[in-house]
C-alpha atoms as a PDB file:
ATOM      1  CA  UNK A   1     -18.210 -13.006   0.982  1.00  0.00           C
ATOM      2  CA  UNK A   2     -21.405 -10.521   0.259  1.00  0.00           C
ATOM      3  CA  UNK A   3     -22.589  -7.394   1.746  1.00  0.00           C
ATOM      4  CA  UNK A   4     -26.317  -8.146   2.056  1.00  0.00           C
ATOM      5  CA  UNK A   5     -26.962  -4.017   1.515  1.00  0.00           C
ATOM      6  CA  UNK A   6     -25.345  -3.535  -1.536  1.00  0.00           C
ATOM      7  CA  UNK A   7     -23.893  -0.790   0.271  1.00  0.00           C
ATOM      8  CA  UNK A   8     -19.999   0.401  -0.799  1.00  0.00           C
ATOM      9  CA  UNK A   9     -17.421  -0.875   1.480  1.00  0.00           C
ATOM     10  CA  UNK A  10     -13.576   0.665   1.892  1.00  0.00           C
ATOM     11  CA  UNK A  11     -11.372  -0.923   4.273  1.00  0.00           C
ATOM     12  CA  UNK A  12      -8.235   0.559   4.714  1.00  0.00           C
ATOM     13  CA  UNK A  13      -4.909  -1.215   6.311  1.00  0.00           C
ATOM     14  CA  UNK A  14      -2.351   1.165   7.201  1.00  0.00           C
ATOM     15  CA  UNK A  15       1.197   1.066   8.379  1.00  0.00           C
ATOM     16  CA  UNK A  16       5.389   0.606   8.379  1.00  0.00           C
ATOM     17  CA  UNK A  17       7.207  -0.728   5.713  1.00  0.00           C
ATOM     18  CA  UNK A  18       7.680  -4.635   5.744  1.00  0.00           C
ATOM     19  CA  UNK A  19       4.566  -5.708   7.866  1.00  0.00           C
ATOM     20  CA  UNK A  20       2.468  -7.527   5.177  1.00  0.00           C
ATOM     21  CA  UNK A  21      -0.117  -4.802   3.946  1.00  0.00           C
ATOM     22  CA  UNK A  22       0.110  -5.698   0.752  1.00  0.00           C
ATOM     23  CA  UNK A  23       0.095  -9.474   0.452  1.00  0.00           C
ATOM     24  CA  UNK A  24      -2.863  -9.310   3.586  1.00  0.00           C
ATOM     25  CA  UNK A  25      -4.823  -6.583   1.825  1.00  0.00           C
ATOM     26  CA  UNK A  26      -4.622  -8.932  -1.369  1.00  0.00           C
ATOM     27  CA  UNK A  27      -5.804 -11.653   0.423  1.00  0.00           C
ATOM     28  CA  UNK A  28      -8.473 -10.019   2.729  1.00  0.00           C
ATOM     29  CA  UNK A  29     -10.302  -8.936  -0.558  1.00  0.00           C
ATOM     30  CA  UNK A  30     -10.093 -12.431  -2.090  1.00  0.00           C
ATOM     31  CA  UNK A  31     -11.462 -13.435   1.034  1.00  0.00           C
ATOM     32  CA  UNK A  32     -14.192 -10.676   1.409  1.00  0.00           C
ATOM     33  CA  UNK A  33     -15.190 -10.646  -2.693  1.00  0.00           C
ATOM     34  CA  UNK A  34     -13.672  -7.156  -2.524  1.00  0.00           C
ATOM     35  CA  UNK A  35     -11.390  -5.476  -4.759  1.00  0.00           C
ATOM     36  CA  UNK A  36      -7.845  -4.495  -3.731  1.00  0.00           C
ATOM     37  CA  UNK A  37      -5.894  -1.235  -4.401  1.00  0.00           C
ATOM     38  CA  UNK A  38      -2.428  -1.445  -3.708  1.00  0.00           C
ATOM     39  CA  UNK A  39      -1.636   2.539  -3.342  1.00  0.00           C
ATOM     40  CA  UNK A  40       2.263   1.906  -2.369  1.00  0.00           C
ATOM     41  CA  UNK A  41       2.466   0.417  -6.005  1.00  0.00           C
ATOM     42  CA  UNK A  42       1.624   4.266  -7.236  1.00  0.00           C
ATOM     43  CA  UNK A  43       4.249   5.656  -4.879  1.00  0.00           C
ATOM     44  CA  UNK A  44       6.856   3.363  -6.145  1.00  0.00           C
ATOM     45  CA  UNK A  45       5.393   3.969 -10.010  1.00  0.00           C
ATOM     46  CA  UNK A  46       6.352   7.495  -9.425  1.00  0.00           C
ATOM     47  CA  UNK A  47       9.464   6.235  -8.185  1.00  0.00           C
ATOM     48  CA  UNK A  48      10.154   4.502 -11.300  1.00  0.00           C
ATOM     49  CA  UNK A  49       9.493   7.699 -13.277  1.00  0.00           C
ATOM     50  CA  UNK A  50      12.092  10.040 -11.394  1.00  0.00           C
ATOM     51  CA  UNK A  51      14.777   7.210 -11.998  1.00  0.00           C
ATOM     52  CA  UNK A  52      13.898   6.993 -15.850  1.00  0.00           C
ATOM     53  CA  UNK A  53      13.948  10.699 -16.313  1.00  0.00           C
ATOM     54  CA  UNK A  54      16.868  11.731 -13.630  1.00  0.00           C
ATOM     55  CA  UNK A  55      14.484  13.756 -11.382  1.00  0.00           C
ATOM     56  CA  UNK A  56      15.634  14.291  -7.797  1.00  0.00           C
ATOM     57  CA  UNK A  57      13.112  12.617  -5.617  1.00  0.00           C
ATOM     58  CA  UNK A  58      12.465  15.975  -3.747  1.00  0.00           C
ATOM     59  CA  UNK A  59      11.566  17.960  -6.998  1.00  0.00           C
ATOM     60  CA  UNK A  60       7.806  17.370  -6.710  1.00  0.00           C
ATOM     61  CA  UNK A  61       6.943  19.523  -8.956  1.00  0.00           C
ATOM     62  CA  UNK A  62       8.864  18.321 -12.162  1.00  0.00           C
ATOM     63  CA  UNK A  63       7.735  14.401 -11.306  1.00  0.00           C
ATOM     64  CA  UNK A  64       4.269  15.985 -11.197  1.00  0.00           C
ATOM     65  CA  UNK A  65       4.507  17.309 -14.277  1.00  0.00           C
ATOM     66  CA  UNK A  66       6.016  13.994 -15.377  1.00  0.00           C
ATOM     67  CA  UNK A  67       3.126  11.953 -14.217  1.00  0.00           C
ATOM     68  CA  UNK A  68       0.900  14.084 -16.069  1.00  0.00           C
ATOM     69  CA  UNK A  69       2.546  12.721 -19.446  1.00  0.00           C
ATOM     70  CA  UNK A  70       1.952   9.300 -18.337  1.00  0.00           C
ATOM     71  CA  UNK A  71      -0.814   7.240 -17.102  1.00  0.00           C
ATOM     72  CA  UNK A  72      -0.779   5.102 -14.349  1.00  0.00           C
ATOM     73  CA  UNK A  73      -3.098   2.309 -14.111  1.00  0.00           C
ATOM     74  CA  UNK A  74      -4.506  -1.077 -12.819  1.00  0.00           C
ATOM     75  CA  UNK A  75      -5.246  -4.034 -14.687  1.00  0.00           C
ATOM     76  CA  UNK A  76      -8.305  -4.999 -12.622  1.00  0.00           C
ATOM     77  CA  UNK A  77      -8.860  -8.083 -14.499  1.00  0.00           C
ATOM     78  CA  UNK A  78      -5.591  -9.940 -13.126  1.00  0.00           C
ATOM     79  CA  UNK A  79      -5.153 -11.081  -9.664  1.00  0.00           C
ATOM     80  CA  UNK A  80      -3.836  -9.320  -7.873  1.00  0.00           C
ATOM     81  CA  UNK A  81      -4.034  -6.242  -9.921  1.00  0.00           C
ATOM     82  CA  UNK A  82      -0.983  -5.453 -11.790  1.00  0.00           C
ATOM     83  CA  UNK A  83       0.834  -2.168 -12.186  1.00  0.00           C
ATOM     84  CA  UNK A  84       1.385   0.020 -15.589  1.00  0.00           C
ATOM     85  CA  UNK A  85       2.785   2.934 -16.417  1.00  0.00           C
ATOM     86  CA  UNK A  86       1.066   3.669 -19.831  1.00  0.00           C
ATOM     87  CA  UNK A  87       1.631   0.004 -21.240  1.00  0.00           C
ATOM     88  CA  UNK A  88       4.352  -0.833 -19.902  1.00  0.00           C
ATOM     89  CA  UNK A  89       3.879  -3.438 -16.737  1.00  0.00           C
ATOM     90  CA  UNK A  90       6.089  -2.674 -13.744  1.00  0.00           C
ATOM     91  CA  UNK A  91       4.896  -5.085 -10.767  1.00  0.00           C
ATOM     92  CA  UNK A  92       8.141  -6.206 -10.905  1.00  0.00           C
ATOM     93  CA  UNK A  93      10.248  -3.416 -11.237  1.00  0.00           C
ATOM     94  CA  UNK A  94       8.578  -1.463  -8.121  1.00  0.00           C
ATOM     95  CA  UNK A  95      10.026  -3.654  -5.825  1.00  0.00           C
ATOM     96  CA  UNK A  96      13.669  -3.186  -6.532  1.00  0.00           C
ATOM     97  CA  UNK A  97      16.014  -1.702  -3.906  1.00  0.00           C
ATOM     98  CA  UNK A  98      16.532   1.467  -6.087  1.00  0.00           C
ATOM     99  CA  UNK A  99      12.956   1.835  -5.689  1.00  0.00           C
ATOM    100  CA  UNK A 100      12.901   1.465  -2.021  1.00  0.00           C
ATOM    101  CA  UNK A 101      15.343   3.790  -1.403  1.00  0.00           C
ATOM    102  CA  UNK A 102      13.632   6.830  -3.038  1.00  0.00           C
ATOM    103  CA  UNK A 103       9.891   5.986  -2.265  1.00  0.00           C
ATOM    104  CA  UNK A 104       9.603   7.975   1.012  1.00  0.00           C
ATOM    105  CA  UNK A 105      10.904  10.771   0.059  1.00  0.00           C
ATOM    106  CA  UNK A 106       8.725  10.931  -3.018  1.00  0.00           C
ATOM    107  CA  UNK A 107       5.621  10.457  -1.270  1.00  0.00           C
ATOM    108  CA  UNK A 108       6.504  13.441   0.950  1.00  0.00           C
ATOM    109  CA  UNK A 109       6.117  15.426  -2.206  1.00  0.00           C
ATOM    110  CA  UNK A 110       2.689  17.675  -1.877  1.00  0.00           C
ATOM    111  CA  UNK A 111       2.644  17.710  -5.347  1.00  0.00           C
ATOM    112  CA  UNK A 112       2.649  14.322  -6.254  1.00  0.00           C
ATOM    113  CA  UNK A 113       0.466  13.304  -3.353  1.00  0.00           C
ATOM    114  CA  UNK A 114      -1.975  15.300  -4.445  1.00  0.00           C
ATOM    115  CA  UNK A 115      -2.377  14.046  -7.708  1.00  0.00           C
ATOM    116  CA  UNK A 116      -1.865  10.866  -6.336  1.00  0.00           C
ATOM    117  CA  UNK A 117      -4.653  10.761  -3.641  1.00  0.00           C
ATOM    118  CA  UNK A 118      -6.924  12.581  -6.320  1.00  0.00           C
ATOM    119  CA  UNK A 119      -6.387   9.364  -8.340  1.00  0.00           C
ATOM    120  CA  UNK A 120      -7.280   7.016  -5.315  1.00  0.00           C
ATOM    121  CA  UNK A 121     -10.229   8.595  -4.558  1.00  0.00           C
ATOM    122  CA  UNK A 122     -11.670   8.628  -8.054  1.00  0.00           C
ATOM    123  CA  UNK A 123     -10.598   4.746  -8.136  1.00  0.00           C
ATOM    124  CA  UNK A 124     -12.909   3.829  -5.066  1.00  0.00           C
ATOM    125  CA  UNK A 125     -15.858   5.945  -6.753  1.00  0.00           C
ATOM    126  CA  UNK A 126     -15.413   3.062  -9.499  1.00  0.00           C
ATOM    127  CA  UNK A 127     -14.565   0.263  -7.284  1.00  0.00           C
ATOM    128  CA  UNK A 128     -16.512   1.573  -4.160  1.00  0.00           C
ATOM    129  CA  UNK A 129     -16.062  -1.774  -2.379  1.00  0.00           C
ATOM    130  CA  UNK A 130     -12.335  -1.904  -2.003  1.00  0.00           C
ATOM    131  CA  UNK A 131      -9.686  -3.202   0.462  1.00  0.00           C
ATOM    132  CA  UNK A 132      -6.864  -0.082   0.140  1.00  0.00           C
ATOM    133  CA  UNK A 133      -3.491  -0.604   1.991  1.00  0.00           C
ATOM    134  CA  UNK A 134      -0.556   2.457   2.575  1.00  0.00           C
ATOM    135  CA  UNK A 135       0.676   4.528   4.673  1.00  0.00           C
ATOM    136  CA  UNK A 136      -2.050   7.070   4.855  1.00  0.00           C
ATOM    137  CA  UNK A 137      -5.250   5.607   3.723  1.00  0.00           C
ATOM    138  CA  UNK A 138      -7.876   5.647   6.455  1.00  0.00           C
ATOM    139  CA  UNK A 139      -5.423   8.984   8.389  1.00  0.00           C
ATOM    140  CA  UNK A 140      -5.661  10.827   5.303  1.00  0.00           C
ATOM    141  CA  UNK A 141      -7.674   9.069   1.678  1.00  0.00           C
ATOM    142  CA  UNK A 142     -10.742   7.512   3.498  1.00  0.00           C
ATOM    143  CA  UNK A 143     -10.659   8.707   6.903  1.00  0.00           C
ATOM    144  CA  UNK A 144     -14.353   7.620   6.602  1.00  0.00           C
ATOM    145  CA  UNK A 145     -13.782   4.236   5.570  1.00  0.00           C
ATOM    146  CA  UNK A 146     -15.588   1.312   7.157  1.00  0.00           C
ATOM    147  CA  UNK A 147     -13.250  -0.616   8.512  1.00  0.00           C
ATOM    148  CA  UNK A 148      -9.354   1.211   9.353  1.00  0.00           C
ATOM    149  CA  UNK A 149      -6.611  -1.049  10.617  1.00  0.00           C
ATOM    150  CA  UNK A 150      -2.909  -0.544  11.492  1.00  0.00           C
ATOM    151  CA  UNK A 151      -0.657  -3.142  10.788  1.00  0.00           C
ATOM    152  CA  UNK A 152       3.079  -3.255  12.813  1.00  0.00           C
ATOM    153  CA  UNK A 153       5.853  -5.358  13.311  1.00  0.00           C
ATOM    154  CA  UNK A 154       9.594  -5.343  14.561  1.00  0.00           C
ATOM    155  CA  UNK A 155      12.024  -3.829  12.664  1.00  0.00           C
ATOM    156  CA  UNK A 156      13.586  -7.258  12.531  1.00  0.00           C
ATOM    157  CA  UNK A 157      10.870  -9.005  11.558  1.00  0.00           C
ATOM    158  CA  UNK A 158      10.453  -6.929   8.562  1.00  0.00           C
ATOM    159  CA  UNK A 159      13.519  -6.390   7.386  1.00  0.00           C
ATOM    160  CA  UNK A 160      13.725 -10.443   7.279  1.00  0.00           C
ATOM    161  CA  UNK A 161      10.548 -10.334   5.021  1.00  0.00           C
ATOM    162  CA  UNK A 162      12.147  -7.707   2.749  1.00  0.00           C
ATOM    163  CA  UNK A 163      15.278 -10.121   2.531  1.00  0.00           C
ATOM    164  CA  UNK A 164      12.935 -13.437   1.971  1.00  0.00           C
ATOM    165  CA  UNK A 165      10.946 -11.507  -1.021  1.00  0.00           C
ATOM    166  CA  UNK A 166      14.501 -10.323  -2.620  1.00  0.00           C
ATOM    167  CA  UNK A 167      16.091 -13.850  -2.729  1.00  0.00           C
ATOM    168  CA  UNK A 168      12.588 -15.261  -4.269  1.00  0.00           C
ATOM    169  CA  UNK A 169      12.877 -12.639  -6.440  1.00  0.00           C
ATOM    170  CA  UNK A 170      16.665 -13.526  -7.284  1.00  0.00           C
ATOM    171  CA  UNK A 171      17.585  -9.666  -6.406  1.00  0.00           C
ATOM    172  CA  UNK A 172      21.591  -9.113  -5.205  1.00  0.00           C
ATOM    173  CA  UNK A 173      21.740  -6.980  -1.853  1.00  0.00           C
ATOM    174  CA  UNK A 174      23.068  -6.254   1.541  1.00  0.00           C
ATOM    175  CA  UNK A 175      20.909  -7.436   4.140  1.00  0.00           C
ATOM    176  CA  UNK A 176      22.275  -4.984   6.477  1.00  0.00           C
ATOM    177  CA  UNK A 177      21.479  -2.214   4.037  1.00  0.00           C
ATOM    178  CA  UNK A 178      17.790  -3.350   3.840  1.00  0.00           C
ATOM    179  CA  UNK A 179      17.298  -3.148   7.355  1.00  0.00           C
ATOM    180  CA  UNK A 180      18.768   0.495   7.664  1.00  0.00           C
ATOM    181  CA  UNK A 181      16.723   1.220   4.607  1.00  0.00           C
ATOM    182  CA  UNK A 182      13.283   0.145   6.681  1.00  0.00           C
ATOM    183  CA  UNK A 183      14.641   2.079   9.525  1.00  0.00           C
ATOM    184  CA  UNK A 184      15.179   5.093   7.554  1.00  0.00           C
ATOM    185  CA  UNK A 185      11.764   4.942   5.448  1.00  0.00           C
ATOM    186  CA  UNK A 186      10.070   4.326   9.133  1.00  0.00           C
ATOM    187  CA  UNK A 187      11.968   7.650  10.687  1.00  0.00           C
ATOM    188  CA  UNK A 188      11.191   9.302   6.985  1.00  0.00           C
ATOM    189  CA  UNK A 189       7.745   8.813   6.864  1.00  0.00           C
ATOM    190  CA  UNK A 190       6.522   9.082  10.421  1.00  0.00           C
ATOM    191  CA  UNK A 191       8.536  12.742  10.724  1.00  0.00           C
ATOM    192  CA  UNK A 192       7.680  14.003   7.228  1.00  0.00           C
ATOM    193  CA  UNK A 193       5.186  17.297   7.219  1.00  0.00           C
ATOM    194  CA  UNK A 194       2.723  15.796   4.572  1.00  0.00           C
ATOM    195  CA  UNK A 195       0.577  13.393   5.942  1.00  0.00           C
ATOM    196  CA  UNK A 196       2.637  11.258   7.977  1.00  0.00           C
ATOM    197  CA  UNK A 197       2.743   7.445   8.893  1.00  0.00           C
ATOM    198  CA  UNK A 198       0.565   7.819  12.283  1.00  0.00           C
ATOM    199  CA  UNK A 199      -2.252   5.139  13.826  1.00  0.00           C
ATOM    200  CA  UNK A 200      -5.669   6.490  12.458  1.00  0.00           C
ATOM    201  CA  UNK A 201      -7.697   6.910  15.327  1.00  0.00           C
ATOM    202  CA  UNK A 202     -10.488   4.169  14.535  1.00  0.00           C
ATOM    203  CA  UNK A 203      -7.870   1.692  13.453  1.00  0.00           C
ATOM    204  CA  UNK A 204      -7.519  -1.553  14.964  1.00  0.00           C
ATOM    205  CA  UNK A 205      -3.846  -2.597  15.479  1.00  0.00           C
ATOM    206  CA  UNK A 206      -2.259  -5.679  14.613  1.00  0.00           C
ATOM    207  CA  UNK A 207       0.961  -6.567  15.273  1.00  0.00           C
ATOM    208  CA  UNK A 208       2.055  -9.615  12.640  1.00  0.00           C
ATOM    209  CA  UNK A 209       5.383 -10.029  13.992  1.00  0.00           C
ATOM    210  CA  UNK A 210       4.858 -13.435  15.208  1.00  0.00           C
ATOM    211  CA  UNK A 211       2.006 -14.536  12.386  1.00  0.00           C
ATOM    212  CA  UNK A 212       2.035 -15.706   8.926  1.00  0.00           C
ATOM    213  CA  UNK A 213      -0.044 -14.126   6.131  1.00  0.00           C
ATOM    214  CA  UNK A 214      -3.322 -16.122   6.552  1.00  0.00           C
ATOM    215  CA  UNK A 215      -3.422 -16.180  10.245  1.00  0.00           C
ATOM    216  CA  UNK A 216      -3.771 -12.294   9.943  1.00  0.00           C
ATOM    217  CA  UNK A 217      -5.954 -12.793   7.253  1.00  0.00           C
ATOM    218  CA  UNK A 218      -8.064 -14.892   9.266  1.00  0.00           C
ATOM    219  CA  UNK A 219      -7.717 -12.379  12.550  1.00  0.00           C
ATOM    220  CA  UNK A 220      -8.484  -9.310  10.103  1.00  0.00           C
ATOM    221  CA  UNK A 221     -11.476 -11.182   8.608  1.00  0.00           C
ATOM    222  CA  UNK A 222     -12.780 -11.774  11.724  1.00  0.00           C
ATOM    223  CA  UNK A 223     -12.316  -8.492  13.047  1.00  0.00           C
ATOM    224  CA  UNK A 224     -14.511  -7.281   9.650  1.00  0.00           C
ATOM    225  CA  UNK A 225     -17.389  -9.221  10.514  1.00  0.00           C
ATOM    226  CA  UNK A 226     -17.394  -8.076  13.516  1.00  0.00           C
ATOM    227  CA  UNK A 227     -17.452  -4.637  12.182  1.00  0.00           C
ATOM    228  CA  UNK A 228     -20.165  -5.220   9.409  1.00  0.00           C
ATOM    229  CA  UNK A 229     -21.992  -7.841  10.647  1.00  0.00           C
ATOM    230  CA  UNK A 230     -24.051  -7.886   7.179  1.00  0.00           C
ATOM    231  CA  UNK A 231     -20.817  -9.102   5.517  1.00  0.00           C
ATOM    232  CA  UNK A 232     -21.473 -12.613   5.198  1.00  0.00           C
ATOM    233  CA  UNK A 233     -19.756 -15.993   3.920  1.00  0.00           C
ATOM    234  CA  UNK A 234     -21.152 -16.830   0.229  1.00  0.00           C
ATOM    235  CA  UNK A 235     -23.046 -20.060   0.212  1.00  0.00           C
END
């Protein structure tokens, strides 16, 4: 697809863990001819740094200092863009369960959020035709986005998706702990004081519980076309 006017387009996809935000955002960006920003990968990278440096996830100031000594970057030449800490590719590491267990605490630290939100907005200035996903993209980072979505799904469905993802990656895990982890993250993300997980007022809600990946992408593509009429299919 292409935008006839050539104007910047920011599409945000918010929602809780396990709703398929990252996969949907990646595929939607491909479908629309836009770039894809996985902001969750940035917070997960911060969690890796906390684990590596043995920094408590609630010590935002120390973690912000550690983040200031490294470079978080995406390789935009790959599809989807790979996540790097300096020259270390962490695209697989960020999905590990120990990262999952602390990423919500990391994301609740004001100094860390301030640093990463600034970086996300800077990325959008360099890549102004973007699909971006996370838990605060429409509510905080890009409140004036062209189109805002909020994906949701039942806890049971989201837990099973996470279990399937871990199985494909050959990870060892406890299925009950996976569900408990998702429930804990939902509670923490929704009740934190700083940028809690909420549905942005202008967001279109899409329940993905009973839909496959490409069904969701098809629905979001249709909704984007309704909202941005000059976004047309390439010939």
